[in-house]
Amino acid sequence: MGLDRKRGPINGMLRFTHYSVEHGQKVRDKGLAEMSDQPDDIYRTNIQISEINALNACLAVIRFKQLRGFYFEETPYYHLLLEIGDLKVVGESDVP
């Protein structure tokens, strides 16, 4: 989760990235997930954003349950992003 206030109100992205046993290193090499927090990320200031935390957790649990066959999965995404500002979801499904 990366958040900022560059335009005033809080904006940012929620992310789910799955590192499968078969393609984990290829996904890691793509650099899709940051391995450390950005120094200016407002999430580090202990801001209370429980609804964003809950949404991020829900997306991860739903995706996990898709991977386990509990929920239907039309497209096998390994990387999903949700933009808070416009609520658009984008994903990547083909591991090169």
N, C-alpha and C. Protein backbone atom coordinates (compact mmCIF):
# COMPACT_ATOMS: atom_id res chain seq x y z
N MET A 1 0.85 -1.15 0.00
CA MET A 1 0.00 0.00 0.00
C MET A 1 0.91 1.23 0.00
N GLY A 2 0.66 2.13 -0.93
CA GLY A 2 1.42 3.37 -1.01
C GLY A 2 0.46 4.54 -1.06
N LEU A 3 0.62 5.48 -0.15
CA LEU A 3 -0.29 6.62 -0.05
C LEU A 3 0.48 7.93 -0.08
N ASP A 4 -0.19 8.97 -0.58
CA ASP A 4 0.42 10.29 -0.60
C ASP A 4 -0.66 11.37 -0.52
N ARG A 5 -0.22 12.60 -0.32
CA ARG A 5 -1.13 13.77 -0.30
C ARG A 5 -0.64 14.83 -1.27
N LYS A 6 -0.13 14.42 -2.40
CA LYS A 6 0.40 15.38 -3.37
C LYS A 6 -0.67 16.31 -3.91
N ARG A 7 -1.92 15.86 -3.96
CA ARG A 7 -3.02 16.69 -4.46
C ARG A 7 -3.92 17.19 -3.33
N GLY A 8 -3.51 17.01 -2.09
CA GLY A 8 -4.32 17.41 -0.95
C GLY A 8 -4.87 16.20 -0.22
N PRO A 9 -6.05 15.71 -0.62
CA PRO A 9 -6.59 14.52 0.04
C PRO A 9 -5.73 13.28 -0.23
N ILE A 10 -5.88 12.31 0.60
CA ILE A 10 -5.08 11.09 0.48
C ILE A 10 -5.42 10.35 -0.82
N ASN A 11 -4.39 9.92 -1.51
CA ASN A 11 -4.51 9.11 -2.72
C ASN A 11 -3.45 8.02 -2.64
N GLY A 12 -3.53 7.08 -3.53
CA GLY A 12 -2.52 6.04 -3.56
C GLY A 12 -3.03 4.77 -4.19
N MET A 13 -2.30 3.69 -3.95
CA MET A 13 -2.62 2.40 -4.55
C MET A 13 -2.56 1.29 -3.51
N LEU A 14 -3.41 0.30 -3.74
CA LEU A 14 -3.35 -0.94 -2.99
C LEU A 14 -2.81 -1.99 -3.94
N ARG A 15 -2.04 -2.93 -3.43
CA ARG A 15 -1.39 -3.90 -4.29
C ARG A 15 -1.49 -5.30 -3.71
N PHE A 16 -1.69 -6.25 -4.60
CA PHE A 16 -1.57 -7.67 -4.29
C PHE A 16 -0.62 -8.27 -5.31
N THR A 17 0.43 -8.92 -4.86
CA THR A 17 1.36 -9.60 -5.76
C THR A 17 1.59 -11.00 -5.23
N HIS A 18 1.39 -11.98 -6.10
CA HIS A 18 1.55 -13.39 -5.71
C HIS A 18 2.84 -13.94 -6.30
N TYR A 19 3.68 -14.49 -5.45
CA TYR A 19 4.93 -15.10 -5.86
C TYR A 19 4.76 -16.61 -5.79
N SER A 20 4.34 -17.20 -6.89
CA SER A 20 4.13 -18.65 -6.92
C SER A 20 5.46 -19.39 -6.87
N VAL A 21 5.40 -20.65 -6.52
CA VAL A 21 6.61 -21.47 -6.50
C VAL A 21 7.22 -21.53 -7.89
N GLU A 22 6.37 -21.67 -8.91
CA GLU A 22 6.85 -21.82 -10.29
C GLU A 22 7.45 -20.53 -10.87
N HIS A 23 6.85 -19.39 -10.53
CA HIS A 23 7.24 -18.13 -11.17
C HIS A 23 7.70 -17.05 -10.19
N GLY A 24 7.93 -17.42 -8.95
CA GLY A 24 8.27 -16.44 -7.93
C GLY A 24 9.46 -15.55 -8.27
N GLN A 25 10.54 -16.14 -8.75
CA GLN A 25 11.73 -15.35 -9.06
C GLN A 25 11.49 -14.43 -10.24
N LYS A 26 10.74 -14.88 -11.25
CA LYS A 26 10.43 -14.03 -12.40
C LYS A 26 9.59 -12.83 -11.98
N VAL A 27 8.62 -13.07 -11.09
CA VAL A 27 7.78 -11.97 -10.60
C VAL A 27 8.64 -11.01 -9.78
N ARG A 28 9.49 -11.53 -8.92
CA ARG A 28 10.37 -10.67 -8.11
C ARG A 28 11.28 -9.82 -8.99
N ASP A 29 11.80 -10.41 -10.05
CA ASP A 29 12.70 -9.70 -10.97
C ASP A 29 12.01 -8.56 -11.69
N LYS A 30 10.68 -8.61 -11.81
CA LYS A 30 9.95 -7.52 -12.46
C LYS A 30 9.90 -6.26 -11.60
N GLY A 31 10.20 -6.37 -10.32
CA GLY A 31 10.23 -5.21 -9.44
C GLY A 31 8.85 -4.60 -9.18
N LEU A 32 7.82 -5.40 -9.18
CA LEU A 32 6.45 -4.90 -8.99
C LEU A 32 6.17 -4.50 -7.56
N ALA A 33 6.80 -5.16 -6.63
CA ALA A 33 6.57 -4.88 -5.21
C ALA A 33 7.82 -4.26 -4.62
N GLU A 34 7.64 -3.11 -4.00
CA GLU A 34 8.77 -2.46 -3.35
C GLU A 34 9.15 -3.25 -2.12
N MET A 35 10.43 -3.37 -1.88
CA MET A 35 10.92 -4.14 -0.74
C MET A 35 11.15 -3.28 0.49
N SER A 36 10.93 -1.96 0.37
CA SER A 36 11.04 -1.07 1.52
C SER A 36 10.05 0.08 1.34
N ASP A 37 9.71 0.73 2.44
CA ASP A 37 8.77 1.85 2.40
C ASP A 37 9.43 3.09 1.83
N GLN A 38 8.64 3.87 1.11
CA GLN A 38 9.11 5.17 0.64
C GLN A 38 9.23 6.11 1.84
N PRO A 39 10.27 6.92 1.92
CA PRO A 39 10.44 7.79 3.09
C PRO A 39 9.33 8.81 3.26
N ASP A 40 8.66 9.23 2.17
CA ASP A 40 7.61 10.24 2.27
C ASP A 40 6.20 9.62 2.25
N ASP A 41 6.10 8.31 2.37
CA ASP A 41 4.80 7.64 2.35
C ASP A 41 4.06 7.99 3.64
N ILE A 42 2.88 8.59 3.52
CA ILE A 42 2.15 9.03 4.71
C ILE A 42 1.68 7.87 5.57
N TYR A 43 1.66 6.67 5.02
CA TYR A 43 1.30 5.50 5.81
C TYR A 43 2.26 5.33 6.99
N ARG A 44 3.50 5.78 6.81
CA ARG A 44 4.51 5.68 7.87
C ARG A 44 4.25 6.64 9.01
N THR A 45 3.38 7.62 8.84
CA THR A 45 3.12 8.60 9.90
C THR A 45 2.05 8.13 10.87
N ASN A 46 1.66 6.87 10.78
CA ASN A 46 0.67 6.27 11.67
C ASN A 46 -0.71 6.88 11.47
N ILE A 47 -1.00 7.28 10.25
CA ILE A 47 -2.30 7.83 9.93
C ILE A 47 -3.35 6.73 10.06
N GLN A 48 -4.52 7.06 10.54
CA GLN A 48 -5.59 6.09 10.75
C GLN A 48 -6.43 5.95 9.49
N ILE A 49 -6.22 4.89 8.77
CA ILE A 49 -6.94 4.64 7.51
C ILE A 49 -7.46 3.20 7.52
N SER A 50 -8.25 2.90 8.53
CA SER A 50 -8.70 1.52 8.73
C SER A 50 -9.48 0.98 7.54
N GLU A 51 -10.25 1.82 6.85
CA GLU A 51 -11.02 1.32 5.71
C GLU A 51 -10.12 0.93 4.54
N ILE A 52 -9.01 1.64 4.35
CA ILE A 52 -8.07 1.28 3.29
C ILE A 52 -7.32 0.01 3.68
N ASN A 53 -6.93 -0.09 4.95
CA ASN A 53 -6.30 -1.32 5.43
C ASN A 53 -7.23 -2.52 5.24
N ALA A 54 -8.50 -2.33 5.58
CA ALA A 54 -9.48 -3.42 5.47
C ALA A 54 -9.68 -3.81 4.01
N LEU A 55 -9.78 -2.83 3.11
CA LEU A 55 -9.96 -3.12 1.69
C LEU A 55 -8.76 -3.88 1.13
N ASN A 56 -7.57 -3.45 1.49
CA ASN A 56 -6.35 -4.13 1.03
C ASN A 56 -6.33 -5.57 1.53
N ALA A 57 -6.69 -5.77 2.79
CA ALA A 57 -6.74 -7.13 3.34
C ALA A 57 -7.79 -7.97 2.64
N CYS A 58 -8.96 -7.40 2.38
CA CYS A 58 -10.03 -8.15 1.69
C CYS A 58 -9.60 -8.57 0.29
N LEU A 59 -8.97 -7.67 -0.44
CA LEU A 59 -8.50 -8.03 -1.78
C LEU A 59 -7.50 -9.18 -1.71
N ALA A 60 -6.61 -9.14 -0.76
CA ALA A 60 -5.60 -10.20 -0.62
C ALA A 60 -6.26 -11.53 -0.25
N VAL A 61 -7.23 -11.50 0.66
CA VAL A 61 -7.90 -12.74 1.07
C VAL A 61 -8.72 -13.32 -0.08
N ILE A 62 -9.44 -12.47 -0.82
CA ILE A 62 -10.22 -12.95 -1.97
C ILE A 62 -9.28 -13.59 -2.99
N ARG A 63 -8.18 -12.94 -3.28
CA ARG A 63 -7.25 -13.48 -4.26
C ARG A 63 -6.64 -14.80 -3.77
N PHE A 64 -6.30 -14.85 -2.49
CA PHE A 64 -5.77 -16.08 -1.91
C PHE A 64 -6.78 -17.22 -2.06
N LYS A 65 -8.05 -16.93 -1.78
CA LYS A 65 -9.09 -17.96 -1.90
C LYS A 65 -9.31 -18.36 -3.35
N GLN A 66 -9.10 -17.45 -4.28
CA GLN A 66 -9.14 -17.83 -5.70
C GLN A 66 -8.02 -18.82 -6.00
N LEU A 67 -6.84 -18.53 -5.51
CA LEU A 67 -5.70 -19.40 -5.75
C LEU A 67 -5.93 -20.80 -5.16
N ARG A 68 -6.70 -20.87 -4.10
CA ARG A 68 -6.99 -22.15 -3.44
C ARG A 68 -8.23 -22.84 -3.99
N GLY A 69 -8.92 -22.20 -4.97
CA GLY A 69 -10.07 -22.81 -5.60
C GLY A 69 -11.39 -22.57 -4.90
N PHE A 70 -11.41 -21.71 -3.90
CA PHE A 70 -12.65 -21.42 -3.18
C PHE A 70 -13.55 -20.49 -3.99
N TYR A 71 -12.96 -19.46 -4.59
CA TYR A 71 -13.68 -18.52 -5.45
C TYR A 71 -13.30 -18.76 -6.90
N PHE A 72 -14.24 -18.49 -7.79
CA PHE A 72 -13.99 -18.58 -9.23
C PHE A 72 -12.94 -17.57 -9.64
N GLU A 73 -12.10 -17.95 -10.59
CA GLU A 73 -11.03 -17.09 -11.08
C GLU A 73 -11.09 -17.09 -12.60
N GLU A 74 -11.58 -15.99 -13.18
CA GLU A 74 -11.65 -15.92 -14.64
C GLU A 74 -10.29 -15.66 -15.26
N THR A 75 -9.54 -14.76 -14.67
CA THR A 75 -8.20 -14.43 -15.16
C THR A 75 -7.21 -14.67 -14.02
N PRO A 76 -6.18 -15.47 -14.23
CA PRO A 76 -5.24 -15.78 -13.15
C PRO A 76 -4.21 -14.67 -12.91
N TYR A 77 -4.66 -13.57 -12.31
CA TYR A 77 -3.76 -12.46 -12.02
C TYR A 77 -2.75 -12.84 -10.95
N TYR A 78 -1.51 -12.44 -11.16
CA TYR A 78 -0.50 -12.59 -10.12
C TYR A 78 -0.16 -11.23 -9.51
N HIS A 79 -0.66 -10.16 -10.15
CA HIS A 79 -0.38 -8.80 -9.67
C HIS A 79 -1.61 -7.94 -9.91
N LEU A 80 -2.13 -7.34 -8.85
CA LEU A 80 -3.31 -6.47 -8.94
C LEU A 80 -3.00 -5.14 -8.27
N LEU A 81 -3.50 -4.06 -8.88
CA LEU A 81 -3.39 -2.73 -8.30
C LEU A 81 -4.78 -2.09 -8.28
N LEU A 82 -5.12 -1.44 -7.18
CA LEU A 82 -6.35 -0.66 -7.09
C LEU A 82 -5.96 0.77 -6.79
N GLU A 83 -6.31 1.68 -7.69
CA GLU A 83 -6.04 3.11 -7.52
C GLU A 83 -7.17 3.70 -6.67
N ILE A 84 -6.84 4.34 -5.58
CA ILE A 84 -7.85 4.89 -4.68
C ILE A 84 -8.62 6.03 -5.34
N GLY A 85 -7.92 6.90 -6.06
CA GLY A 85 -8.54 8.09 -6.63
C GLY A 85 -9.67 7.82 -7.60
N ASP A 86 -9.54 6.80 -8.43
CA ASP A 86 -10.60 6.52 -9.42
C ASP A 86 -11.18 5.11 -9.28
N LEU A 87 -10.73 4.38 -8.28
CA LEU A 87 -11.20 3.01 -7.99
C LEU A 87 -11.05 2.07 -9.16
N LYS A 88 -10.05 2.28 -9.99
CA LYS A 88 -9.77 1.37 -11.09
C LYS A 88 -8.86 0.25 -10.61
N VAL A 89 -9.12 -0.94 -11.12
CA VAL A 89 -8.30 -2.10 -10.82
C VAL A 89 -7.62 -2.55 -12.10
N VAL A 90 -6.32 -2.75 -12.03
CA VAL A 90 -5.58 -3.30 -13.17
C VAL A 90 -4.80 -4.50 -12.66
N GLY A 91 -4.52 -5.42 -13.57
CA GLY A 91 -3.79 -6.60 -13.17
C GLY A 91 -2.93 -7.15 -14.28
N GLU A 92 -1.97 -7.98 -13.90
CA GLU A 92 -1.12 -8.68 -14.83
C GLU A 92 -1.34 -10.18 -14.62
N SER A 93 -1.48 -10.89 -15.72
CA SER A 93 -1.79 -12.31 -15.60
C SER A 93 -0.79 -13.22 -16.29
N ASP A 94 0.05 -12.71 -17.14
CA ASP A 94 1.00 -13.55 -17.86
C ASP A 94 2.40 -13.34 -17.33
N VAL A 95 2.97 -14.39 -16.75
CA VAL A 95 4.35 -14.31 -16.27
C VAL A 95 5.25 -14.68 -17.45
N PRO A 96 6.15 -13.78 -17.84
CA PRO A 96 7.02 -14.08 -18.98
C PRO A 96 8.00 -15.21 -18.70
